[in-house]
Amino acid sequence: MEMFDFENLNISTARNETIAALAEALFPLTSERSEEEREIDREFEGVLETLESSFNPKQRKWFEHYQQQVDAELRVAERRRFVCGFKTAMRLALESMK
């Protein structure tokens, strides 16, 4: 069986606005934390607060800026994964109808 190449799948959100909007609409309905995520939360509880309390004001400002960058990158990555998954599912659905 041929290996699936994700790079050949055009998932640019500039060309997939409708699918990306669907992701935005569905995300709140599917964003409940899993048991695995809750376990990670318990394991690292208090780490962020401890780290932030050790910063001076300038460090805190830069760290907040860094967190905003990470959040923005995560949103883009989640949208990209959703679009890729949606297109893959549609291709599989179409192939199964042949």
PDB file of N, CA and C in Angstrom:
ATOM      1  N   MET A   1       0.843  -1.189   0.000  1.00  0.00           N
ATOM      2  CA  MET A   1       0.000   0.000   0.000  1.00  0.00           C
ATOM      3  C   MET A   1       0.882   1.244   0.000  1.00  0.00           C
ATOM      4  N   GLU A   2       0.501   2.219  -0.766  1.00  0.00           N
ATOM      5  CA  GLU A   2       1.266   3.456  -0.891  1.00  0.00           C
ATOM      6  C   GLU A   2       1.125   4.305   0.374  1.00  0.00           C
ATOM      7  N   MET A   3       2.235   4.928   0.805  1.00  0.00           N
ATOM      8  CA  MET A   3       2.229   5.790   1.983  1.00  0.00           C
ATOM      9  C   MET A   3       1.506   7.095   1.651  1.00  0.00           C
ATOM     10  N   PHE A   4       0.619   7.549   2.547  1.00  0.00           N
ATOM     11  CA  PHE A   4      -0.118   8.794   2.326  1.00  0.00           C
ATOM     12  C   PHE A   4       0.810   9.972   2.561  1.00  0.00           C
ATOM     13  N   ASP A   5       0.865  10.897   1.629  1.00  0.00           N
ATOM     14  CA  ASP A   5       1.745  12.057   1.723  1.00  0.00           C
ATOM     15  C   ASP A   5       0.927  13.294   2.050  1.00  0.00           C
ATOM     16  N   PHE A   6       1.017  13.763   3.295  1.00  0.00           N
ATOM     17  CA  PHE A   6       0.254  14.930   3.724  1.00  0.00           C
ATOM     18  C   PHE A   6       0.700  16.201   3.018  1.00  0.00           C
ATOM     19  N   GLU A   7       1.929  16.232   2.551  1.00  0.00           N
ATOM     20  CA  GLU A   7       2.435  17.427   1.879  1.00  0.00           C
ATOM     21  C   GLU A   7       1.733  17.654   0.539  1.00  0.00           C
ATOM     22  N   ASN A   8       1.231  16.607  -0.064  1.00  0.00           N
ATOM     23  CA  ASN A   8       0.509  16.751  -1.334  1.00  0.00           C
ATOM     24  C   ASN A   8      -0.934  17.166  -1.139  1.00  0.00           C
ATOM     25  N   LEU A   9      -1.391  17.180   0.087  1.00  0.00           N
ATOM     26  CA  LEU A   9      -2.766  17.557   0.389  1.00  0.00           C
ATOM     27  C   LEU A   9      -2.789  19.057   0.694  1.00  0.00           C
ATOM     28  N   ASN A  10      -3.431  19.822  -0.157  1.00  0.00           N
ATOM     29  CA  ASN A  10      -3.486  21.266   0.032  1.00  0.00           C
ATOM     30  C   ASN A  10      -4.440  21.580   1.175  1.00  0.00           C
ATOM     31  N   ILE A  11      -3.864  21.990   2.304  1.00  0.00           N
ATOM     32  CA  ILE A  11      -4.708  22.320   3.450  1.00  0.00           C
ATOM     33  C   ILE A  11      -4.526  23.785   3.850  1.00  0.00           C
ATOM     34  N   SER A  12      -4.102  24.596   2.917  1.00  0.00           N
ATOM     35  CA  SER A  12      -3.945  26.020   3.183  1.00  0.00           C
ATOM     36  C   SER A  12      -5.299  26.621   3.549  1.00  0.00           C
ATOM     37  N   THR A  13      -5.387  27.248   4.737  1.00  0.00           N
ATOM     38  CA  THR A  13      -6.670  27.813   5.159  1.00  0.00           C
ATOM     39  C   THR A  13      -7.101  28.954   4.252  1.00  0.00           C
ATOM     40  N   ALA A  14      -6.163  29.540   3.507  1.00  0.00           N
ATOM     41  CA  ALA A  14      -6.550  30.598   2.572  1.00  0.00           C
ATOM     42  C   ALA A  14      -7.462  30.040   1.489  1.00  0.00           C
ATOM     43  N   ARG A  15      -7.368  28.747   1.215  1.00  0.00           N
ATOM     44  CA  ARG A  15      -8.199  28.110   0.200  1.00  0.00           C
ATOM     45  C   ARG A  15      -9.311  27.277   0.830  1.00  0.00           C
ATOM     46  N   ASN A  16      -9.385  27.274   2.125  1.00  0.00           N
ATOM     47  CA  ASN A  16     -10.326  26.407   2.815  1.00  0.00           C
ATOM     48  C   ASN A  16     -11.065  27.164   3.918  1.00  0.00           C
ATOM     49  N   GLU A  17     -11.491  28.367   3.629  1.00  0.00           N
ATOM     50  CA  GLU A  17     -12.115  29.201   4.646  1.00  0.00           C
ATOM     51  C   GLU A  17     -13.360  28.553   5.251  1.00  0.00           C
ATOM     52  N   THR A  18     -14.151  27.906   4.421  1.00  0.00           N
ATOM     53  CA  THR A  18     -15.384  27.294   4.909  1.00  0.00           C
ATOM     54  C   THR A  18     -15.081  26.158   5.875  1.00  0.00           C
ATOM     55  N   ILE A  19     -14.104  25.326   5.520  1.00  0.00           N
ATOM     56  CA  ILE A  19     -13.742  24.218   6.403  1.00  0.00           C
ATOM     57  C   ILE A  19     -13.139  24.759   7.695  1.00  0.00           C
ATOM     58  N   ALA A  20     -12.308  25.788   7.604  1.00  0.00           N
ATOM     59  CA  ALA A  20     -11.723  26.389   8.798  1.00  0.00           C
ATOM     60  C   ALA A  20     -12.806  27.003   9.681  1.00  0.00           C
ATOM     61  N   ALA A  21     -13.824  27.618   9.072  1.00  0.00           N
ATOM     62  CA  ALA A  21     -14.935  28.185   9.848  1.00  0.00           C
ATOM     63  C   ALA A  21     -15.710  27.073  10.547  1.00  0.00           C
ATOM     64  N   LEU A  22     -15.857  25.928   9.876  1.00  0.00           N
ATOM     65  CA  LEU A  22     -16.506  24.775  10.498  1.00  0.00           C
ATOM     66  C   LEU A  22     -15.706  24.317  11.716  1.00  0.00           C
ATOM     67  N   ALA A  23     -14.408  24.303  11.598  1.00  0.00           N
ATOM     68  CA  ALA A  23     -13.550  23.934  12.730  1.00  0.00           C
ATOM     69  C   ALA A  23     -13.778  24.882  13.901  1.00  0.00           C
ATOM     70  N   GLU A  24     -13.848  26.179  13.616  1.00  0.00           N
ATOM     71  CA  GLU A  24     -14.077  27.164  14.675  1.00  0.00           C
ATOM     72  C   GLU A  24     -15.422  26.941  15.349  1.00  0.00           C
ATOM     73  N   ALA A  25     -16.431  26.568  14.564  1.00  0.00           N
ATOM     74  CA  ALA A  25     -17.763  26.339  15.119  1.00  0.00           C
ATOM     75  C   ALA A  25     -17.812  25.054  15.944  1.00  0.00           C
ATOM     76  N   LEU A  26     -17.090  24.024  15.512  1.00  0.00           N
ATOM     77  CA  LEU A  26     -17.132  22.736  16.194  1.00  0.00           C
ATOM     78  C   LEU A  26     -16.198  22.647  17.398  1.00  0.00           C
ATOM     79  N   PHE A  27     -15.158  23.451  17.412  1.00  0.00           N
ATOM     80  CA  PHE A  27     -14.160  23.340  18.473  1.00  0.00           C
ATOM     81  C   PHE A  27     -14.762  23.435  19.878  1.00  0.00           C
ATOM     82  N   PRO A  28     -15.637  24.400  20.151  1.00  0.00           N
ATOM     83  CA  PRO A  28     -16.198  24.455  21.514  1.00  0.00           C
ATOM     84  C   PRO A  28     -16.988  23.206  21.893  1.00  0.00           C
ATOM     85  N   LEU A  29     -17.525  22.516  20.911  1.00  0.00           N
ATOM     86  CA  LEU A  29     -18.307  21.311  21.187  1.00  0.00           C
ATOM     87  C   LEU A  29     -17.425  20.086  21.431  1.00  0.00           C
ATOM     88  N   THR A  30     -16.162  20.168  21.028  1.00  0.00           N
ATOM     89  CA  THR A  30     -15.266  19.016  21.132  1.00  0.00           C
ATOM     90  C   THR A  30     -14.028  19.309  21.970  1.00  0.00           C
ATOM     91  N   SER A  31     -14.045  20.392  22.718  1.00  0.00           N
ATOM     92  CA  SER A  31     -12.820  20.812  23.397  1.00  0.00           C
ATOM     93  C   SER A  31     -12.743  20.388  24.860  1.00  0.00           C
ATOM     94  N   GLU A  32     -13.616  19.478  25.302  1.00  0.00           N
ATOM     95  CA  GLU A  32     -13.528  19.000  26.678  1.00  0.00           C
ATOM     96  C   GLU A  32     -12.214  18.251  26.858  1.00  0.00           C
ATOM     97  N   ARG A  33     -11.565  18.474  27.975  1.00  0.00           N
ATOM     98  CA  ARG A  33     -10.266  17.857  28.223  1.00  0.00           C
ATOM     99  C   ARG A  33     -10.434  16.350  28.426  1.00  0.00           C
ATOM    100  N   SER A  34      -9.534  15.597  27.841  1.00  0.00           N
ATOM    101  CA  SER A  34      -9.552  14.143  27.977  1.00  0.00           C
ATOM    102  C   SER A  34      -8.920  13.745  29.305  1.00  0.00           C
ATOM    103  N   GLU A  35      -9.060  12.486  29.648  1.00  0.00           N
ATOM    104  CA  GLU A  35      -8.439  11.988  30.885  1.00  0.00           C
ATOM    105  C   GLU A  35      -6.924  12.141  30.812  1.00  0.00           C
ATOM    106  N   GLU A  36      -6.361  11.885  29.648  1.00  0.00           N
ATOM    107  CA  GLU A  36      -4.912  12.032  29.471  1.00  0.00           C
ATOM    108  C   GLU A  36      -4.483  13.481  29.712  1.00  0.00           C
ATOM    109  N   GLU A  37      -5.259  14.434  29.196  1.00  0.00           N
ATOM    110  CA  GLU A  37      -4.937  15.850  29.399  1.00  0.00           C
ATOM    111  C   GLU A  37      -5.114  16.246  30.865  1.00  0.00           C
ATOM    112  N   ARG A  38      -6.146  15.720  31.505  1.00  0.00           N
ATOM    113  CA  ARG A  38      -6.354  16.018  32.931  1.00  0.00           C
ATOM    114  C   ARG A  38      -5.218  15.460  33.787  1.00  0.00           C
ATOM    115  N   GLU A  39      -4.687  14.314  33.393  1.00  0.00           N
ATOM    116  CA  GLU A  39      -3.536  13.736  34.107  1.00  0.00           C
ATOM    117  C   GLU A  39      -2.313  14.642  33.963  1.00  0.00           C
ATOM    118  N   ILE A  40      -2.107  15.155  32.769  1.00  0.00           N
ATOM    119  CA  ILE A  40      -0.994  16.100  32.554  1.00  0.00           C
ATOM    120  C   ILE A  40      -1.213  17.349  33.401  1.00  0.00           C
ATOM    121  N   ASP A  41      -2.453  17.850  33.460  1.00  0.00           N
ATOM    122  CA  ASP A  41      -2.768  19.015  34.302  1.00  0.00           C
ATOM    123  C   ASP A  41      -2.396  18.750  35.755  1.00  0.00           C
ATOM    124  N   ARG A  42      -2.754  17.553  36.259  1.00  0.00           N
ATOM    125  CA  ARG A  42      -2.444  17.216  37.660  1.00  0.00           C
ATOM    126  C   ARG A  42      -0.941  17.123  37.882  1.00  0.00           C
ATOM    127  N   GLU A  43      -0.240  16.521  36.921  1.00  0.00           N
ATOM    128  CA  GLU A  43       1.201  16.336  37.055  1.00  0.00           C
ATOM    129  C   GLU A  43       1.949  17.669  37.128  1.00  0.00           C
ATOM    130  N   PHE A  44       1.494  18.654  36.355  1.00  0.00           N
ATOM    131  CA  PHE A  44       2.206  19.925  36.279  1.00  0.00           C
ATOM    132  C   PHE A  44       1.476  21.062  36.997  1.00  0.00           C
ATOM    133  N   GLU A  45       0.544  20.721  37.869  1.00  0.00           N
ATOM    134  CA  GLU A  45      -0.224  21.739  38.600  1.00  0.00           C
ATOM    135  C   GLU A  45       0.723  22.654  39.390  1.00  0.00           C
ATOM    136  N   GLY A  46       0.550  23.946  39.204  1.00  0.00           N
ATOM    137  CA  GLY A  46       1.326  24.936  39.940  1.00  0.00           C
ATOM    138  C   GLY A  46       2.651  25.316  39.321  1.00  0.00           C
ATOM    139  N   VAL A  47       3.106  24.579  38.307  1.00  0.00           N
ATOM    140  CA  VAL A  47       4.412  24.864  37.707  1.00  0.00           C
ATOM    141  C   VAL A  47       4.422  26.239  37.051  1.00  0.00           C
ATOM    142  N   LEU A  48       3.389  26.544  36.262  1.00  0.00           N
ATOM    143  CA  LEU A  48       3.337  27.829  35.570  1.00  0.00           C
ATOM    144  C   LEU A  48       3.306  28.982  36.570  1.00  0.00           C
ATOM    145  N   GLU A  49       2.487  28.861  37.594  1.00  0.00           N
ATOM    146  CA  GLU A  49       2.390  29.926  38.600  1.00  0.00           C
ATOM    147  C   GLU A  49       3.731  30.132  39.311  1.00  0.00           C
ATOM    148  N   THR A  50       4.408  29.044  39.627  1.00  0.00           N
ATOM    149  CA  THR A  50       5.713  29.141  40.286  1.00  0.00           C
ATOM    150  C   THR A  50       6.723  29.815  39.379  1.00  0.00           C
ATOM    151  N   LEU A  51       6.730  29.423  38.114  1.00  0.00           N
ATOM    152  CA  LEU A  51       7.648  30.028  37.149  1.00  0.00           C
ATOM    153  C   LEU A  51       7.376  31.515  37.009  1.00  0.00           C
ATOM    154  N   GLU A  52       6.105  31.879  36.801  1.00  0.00           N
ATOM    155  CA  GLU A  52       5.762  33.291  36.607  1.00  0.00           C
ATOM    156  C   GLU A  52       6.082  34.134  37.834  1.00  0.00           C
ATOM    157  N   SER A  53       5.921  33.577  39.019  1.00  0.00           N
ATOM    158  CA  SER A  53       6.197  34.354  40.236  1.00  0.00           C
ATOM    159  C   SER A  53       7.688  34.623  40.404  1.00  0.00           C
ATOM    160  N   SER A  54       8.539  33.879  39.688  1.00  0.00           N
ATOM    161  CA  SER A  54       9.983  34.096  39.790  1.00  0.00           C
ATOM    162  C   SER A  54      10.481  35.175  38.823  1.00  0.00           C
ATOM    163  N   PHE A  55       9.616  35.654  37.939  1.00  0.00           N
ATOM    164  CA  PHE A  55      10.017  36.643  36.940  1.00  0.00           C
ATOM    165  C   PHE A  55       9.995  38.049  37.499  1.00  0.00           C
ATOM    166  N   ASN A  56      10.908  38.866  36.996  1.00  0.00           N
ATOM    167  CA  ASN A  56      10.801  40.296  37.250  1.00  0.00           C
ATOM    168  C   ASN A  56       9.813  40.859  36.218  1.00  0.00           C
ATOM    169  N   PRO A  57       9.376  42.115  36.343  1.00  0.00           N
ATOM    170  CA  PRO A  57       8.358  42.645  35.415  1.00  0.00           C
ATOM    171  C   PRO A  57       8.738  42.540  33.936  1.00  0.00           C
ATOM    172  N   LYS A  58       9.993  42.785  33.599  1.00  0.00           N
ATOM    173  CA  LYS A  58      10.407  42.703  32.193  1.00  0.00           C
ATOM    174  C   LYS A  58      10.330  41.258  31.692  1.00  0.00           C
ATOM    175  N   GLN A  59      10.787  40.323  32.505  1.00  0.00           N
ATOM    176  CA  GLN A  59      10.720  38.915  32.127  1.00  0.00           C
ATOM    177  C   GLN A  59       9.267  38.462  31.975  1.00  0.00           C
ATOM    178  N   ARG A  60       8.407  38.924  32.877  1.00  0.00           N
ATOM    179  CA  ARG A  60       6.989  38.559  32.824  1.00  0.00           C
ATOM    180  C   ARG A  60       6.370  39.047  31.502  1.00  0.00           C
ATOM    181  N   LYS A  61       6.719  40.282  31.110  1.00  0.00           N
ATOM    182  CA  LYS A  61       6.193  40.844  29.865  1.00  0.00           C
ATOM    183  C   LYS A  61       6.633  39.993  28.675  1.00  0.00           C
ATOM    184  N   TRP A  62       7.914  39.624  28.619  1.00  0.00           N
ATOM    185  CA  TRP A  62       8.416  38.811  27.512  1.00  0.00           C
ATOM    186  C   TRP A  62       7.799  37.418  27.522  1.00  0.00           C
ATOM    187  N   PHE A  63       7.597  36.857  28.706  1.00  0.00           N
ATOM    188  CA  PHE A  63       6.989  35.538  28.793  1.00  0.00           C
ATOM    189  C   PHE A  63       5.536  35.580  28.328  1.00  0.00           C
ATOM    190  N   GLU A  64       4.804  36.618  28.684  1.00  0.00           N
ATOM    191  CA  GLU A  64       3.425  36.766  28.217  1.00  0.00           C
ATOM    192  C   GLU A  64       3.387  36.882  26.695  1.00  0.00           C
ATOM    193  N   HIS A  65       4.339  37.620  26.145  1.00  0.00           N
ATOM    194  CA  HIS A  65       4.434  37.759  24.687  1.00  0.00           C
ATOM    195  C   HIS A  65       4.719  36.389  24.048  1.00  0.00           C
ATOM    196  N   TYR A  66       5.604  35.633  24.665  1.00  0.00           N
ATOM    197  CA  TYR A  66       5.923  34.289  24.180  1.00  0.00           C
ATOM    198  C   TYR A  66       4.678  33.396  24.230  1.00  0.00           C
ATOM    199  N   GLN A  67       3.903  33.459  25.304  1.00  0.00           N
ATOM    200  CA  GLN A  67       2.691  32.663  25.420  1.00  0.00           C
ATOM    201  C   GLN A  67       1.681  33.028  24.335  1.00  0.00           C
ATOM    202  N   GLN A  68       1.586  34.307  24.001  1.00  0.00           N
ATOM    203  CA  GLN A  68       0.683  34.725  22.931  1.00  0.00           C
ATOM    204  C   GLN A  68       1.118  34.127  21.593  1.00  0.00           C
ATOM    205  N   GLN A  69       2.422  34.097  21.355  1.00  0.00           N
ATOM    206  CA  GLN A  69       2.938  33.503  20.121  1.00  0.00           C
ATOM    207  C   GLN A  69       2.612  32.017  20.076  1.00  0.00           C
ATOM    208  N   VAL A  70       2.846  31.310  21.161  1.00  0.00           N
ATOM    209  CA  VAL A  70       2.570  29.874  21.207  1.00  0.00           C
ATOM    210  C   VAL A  70       1.075  29.611  21.000  1.00  0.00           C
ATOM    211  N   ASP A  71       0.222  30.424  21.633  1.00  0.00           N
ATOM    212  CA  ASP A  71      -1.230  30.276  21.459  1.00  0.00           C
ATOM    213  C   ASP A  71      -1.638  30.481  20.000  1.00  0.00           C
ATOM    214  N   ALA A  72      -1.063  31.494  19.362  1.00  0.00           N
ATOM    215  CA  ALA A  72      -1.394  31.768  17.959  1.00  0.00           C
ATOM    216  C   ALA A  72      -0.951  30.609  17.065  1.00  0.00           C
ATOM    217  N   GLU A  73       0.244  30.091  17.307  1.00  0.00           N
ATOM    218  CA  GLU A  73       0.737  28.967  16.519  1.00  0.00           C
ATOM    219  C   GLU A  73      -0.110  27.718  16.744  1.00  0.00           C
ATOM    220  N   LEU A  74      -0.563  27.512  17.972  1.00  0.00           N
ATOM    221  CA  LEU A  74      -1.412  26.363  18.276  1.00  0.00           C
ATOM    222  C   LEU A  74      -2.750  26.461  17.545  1.00  0.00           C
ATOM    223  N   ARG A  75      -3.333  27.662  17.502  1.00  0.00           N
ATOM    224  CA  ARG A  75      -4.595  27.842  16.779  1.00  0.00           C
ATOM    225  C   ARG A  75      -4.429  27.507  15.304  1.00  0.00           C
ATOM    226  N   VAL A  76      -3.338  27.964  14.704  1.00  0.00           N
ATOM    227  CA  VAL A  76      -3.084  27.683  13.289  1.00  0.00           C
ATOM    228  C   VAL A  76      -2.885  26.181  13.082  1.00  0.00           C
ATOM    229  N   ALA A  77      -2.120  25.537  13.953  1.00  0.00           N
ATOM    230  CA  ALA A  77      -1.867  24.100  13.823  1.00  0.00           C
ATOM    231  C   ALA A  77      -3.147  23.295  13.993  1.00  0.00           C
ATOM    232  N   GLU A  78      -3.997  23.682  14.945  1.00  0.00           N
ATOM    233  CA  GLU A  78      -5.264  22.972  15.143  1.00  0.00           C
ATOM    234  C   GLU A  78      -6.168  23.120  13.925  1.00  0.00           C
ATOM    235  N   ARG A  79      -6.227  24.314  13.387  1.00  0.00           N
ATOM    236  CA  ARG A  79      -7.046  24.549  12.198  1.00  0.00           C
ATOM    237  C   ARG A  79      -6.525  23.721  11.025  1.00  0.00           C
ATOM    238  N   ARG A  80      -5.209  23.691  10.870  1.00  0.00           N
ATOM    239  CA  ARG A  80      -4.593  22.936   9.778  1.00  0.00           C
ATOM    240  C   ARG A  80      -4.881  21.444   9.921  1.00  0.00           C
ATOM    241  N   ARG A  81      -4.751  20.920  11.126  1.00  0.00           N
ATOM    242  CA  ARG A  81      -5.039  19.499  11.351  1.00  0.00           C
ATOM    243  C   ARG A  81      -6.503  19.189  11.076  1.00  0.00           C
ATOM    244  N   PHE A  82      -7.406  20.092  11.480  1.00  0.00           N
ATOM    245  CA  PHE A  82      -8.828  19.858  11.232  1.00  0.00           C
ATOM    246  C   PHE A  82      -9.103  19.818   9.738  1.00  0.00           C
ATOM    247  N   VAL A  83      -8.593  20.792   9.003  1.00  0.00           N
ATOM    248  CA  VAL A  83      -8.819  20.849   7.558  1.00  0.00           C
ATOM    249  C   VAL A  83      -8.254  19.586   6.903  1.00  0.00           C
ATOM    250  N   CYS A  84      -7.062  19.186   7.312  1.00  0.00           N
ATOM    251  CA  CYS A  84      -6.445  17.989   6.751  1.00  0.00           C
ATOM    252  C   CYS A  84      -7.299  16.758   7.060  1.00  0.00           C
ATOM    253  N   GLY A  85      -7.739  16.617   8.280  1.00  0.00           N
ATOM    254  CA  GLY A  85      -8.579  15.488   8.664  1.00  0.00           C
ATOM    255  C   GLY A  85      -9.905  15.480   7.938  1.00  0.00           C
ATOM    256  N   PHE A  86     -10.502  16.657   7.794  1.00  0.00           N
ATOM    257  CA  PHE A  86     -11.785  16.772   7.098  1.00  0.00           C
ATOM    258  C   PHE A  86     -11.635  16.348   5.642  1.00  0.00           C
ATOM    259  N   LYS A  87     -10.611  16.858   4.977  1.00  0.00           N
ATOM    260  CA  LYS A  87     -10.403  16.507   3.571  1.00  0.00           C
ATOM    261  C   LYS A  87     -10.095  15.021   3.413  1.00  0.00           C
ATOM    262  N   THR A  88      -9.298  14.482   4.327  1.00  0.00           N
ATOM    263  CA  THR A  88      -8.983  13.061   4.265  1.00  0.00           C
ATOM    264  C   THR A  88     -10.248  12.222   4.440  1.00  0.00           C
ATOM    265  N   ALA A  89     -11.096  12.603   5.393  1.00  0.00           N
ATOM    266  CA  ALA A  89     -12.345  11.881   5.617  1.00  0.00           C
ATOM    267  C   ALA A  89     -13.258  11.962   4.384  1.00  0.00           C
ATOM    268  N   MET A  90     -13.309  13.118   3.766  1.00  0.00           N
ATOM    269  CA  MET A  90     -14.148  13.258   2.568  1.00  0.00           C
ATOM    270  C   MET A  90     -13.606  12.418   1.424  1.00  0.00           C
ATOM    271  N   ARG A  91     -12.279  12.375   1.286  1.00  0.00           N
ATOM    272  CA  ARG A  91     -11.693  11.543   0.230  1.00  0.00           C
ATOM    273  C   ARG A  91     -12.008  10.067   0.474  1.00  0.00           C
ATOM    274  N   LEU A  92     -11.890   9.636   1.733  1.00  0.00           N
ATOM    275  CA  LEU A  92     -12.206   8.254   2.068  1.00  0.00           C
ATOM    276  C   LEU A  92     -13.683   7.948   1.806  1.00  0.00           C
ATOM    277  N   ALA A  93     -14.547   8.903   2.163  1.00  0.00           N
ATOM    278  CA  ALA A  93     -15.974   8.716   1.919  1.00  0.00           C
ATOM    279  C   ALA A  93     -16.262   8.594   0.430  1.00  0.00           C
ATOM    280  N   LEU A  94     -15.655   9.462  -0.358  1.00  0.00           N
ATOM    281  CA  LEU A  94     -15.858   9.405  -1.807  1.00  0.00           C
ATOM    282  C   LEU A  94     -15.319   8.101  -2.395  1.00  0.00           C
ATOM    283  N   GLU A  95     -14.148   7.660  -1.923  1.00  0.00           N
ATOM    284  CA  GLU A  95     -13.570   6.409  -2.421  1.00  0.00           C
ATOM    285  C   GLU A  95     -14.464   5.222  -2.066  1.00  0.00           C
ATOM    286  N   SER A  96     -15.084   5.259  -0.893  1.00  0.00           N
ATOM    287  CA  SER A  96     -15.916   4.139  -0.495  1.00  0.00           C
ATOM    288  C   SER A  96     -17.215   4.069  -1.287  1.00  0.00           C
ATOM    289  N   MET A  97     -17.596   5.162  -1.922  1.00  0.00           N
ATOM    290  CA  MET A  97     -18.825   5.188  -2.723  1.00  0.00           C
ATOM    291  C   MET A  97     -18.600   4.699  -4.146  1.00  0.00           C
ATOM    292  N   LYS A  98     -17.356   4.540  -4.547  1.00  0.00           N
ATOM    293  CA  LYS A  98     -17.050   4.121  -5.927  1.00  0.00           C
ATOM    294  C   LYS A  98     -17.392   2.666  -6.124  1.00  0.00           C
TER     295      LYS A  98
END
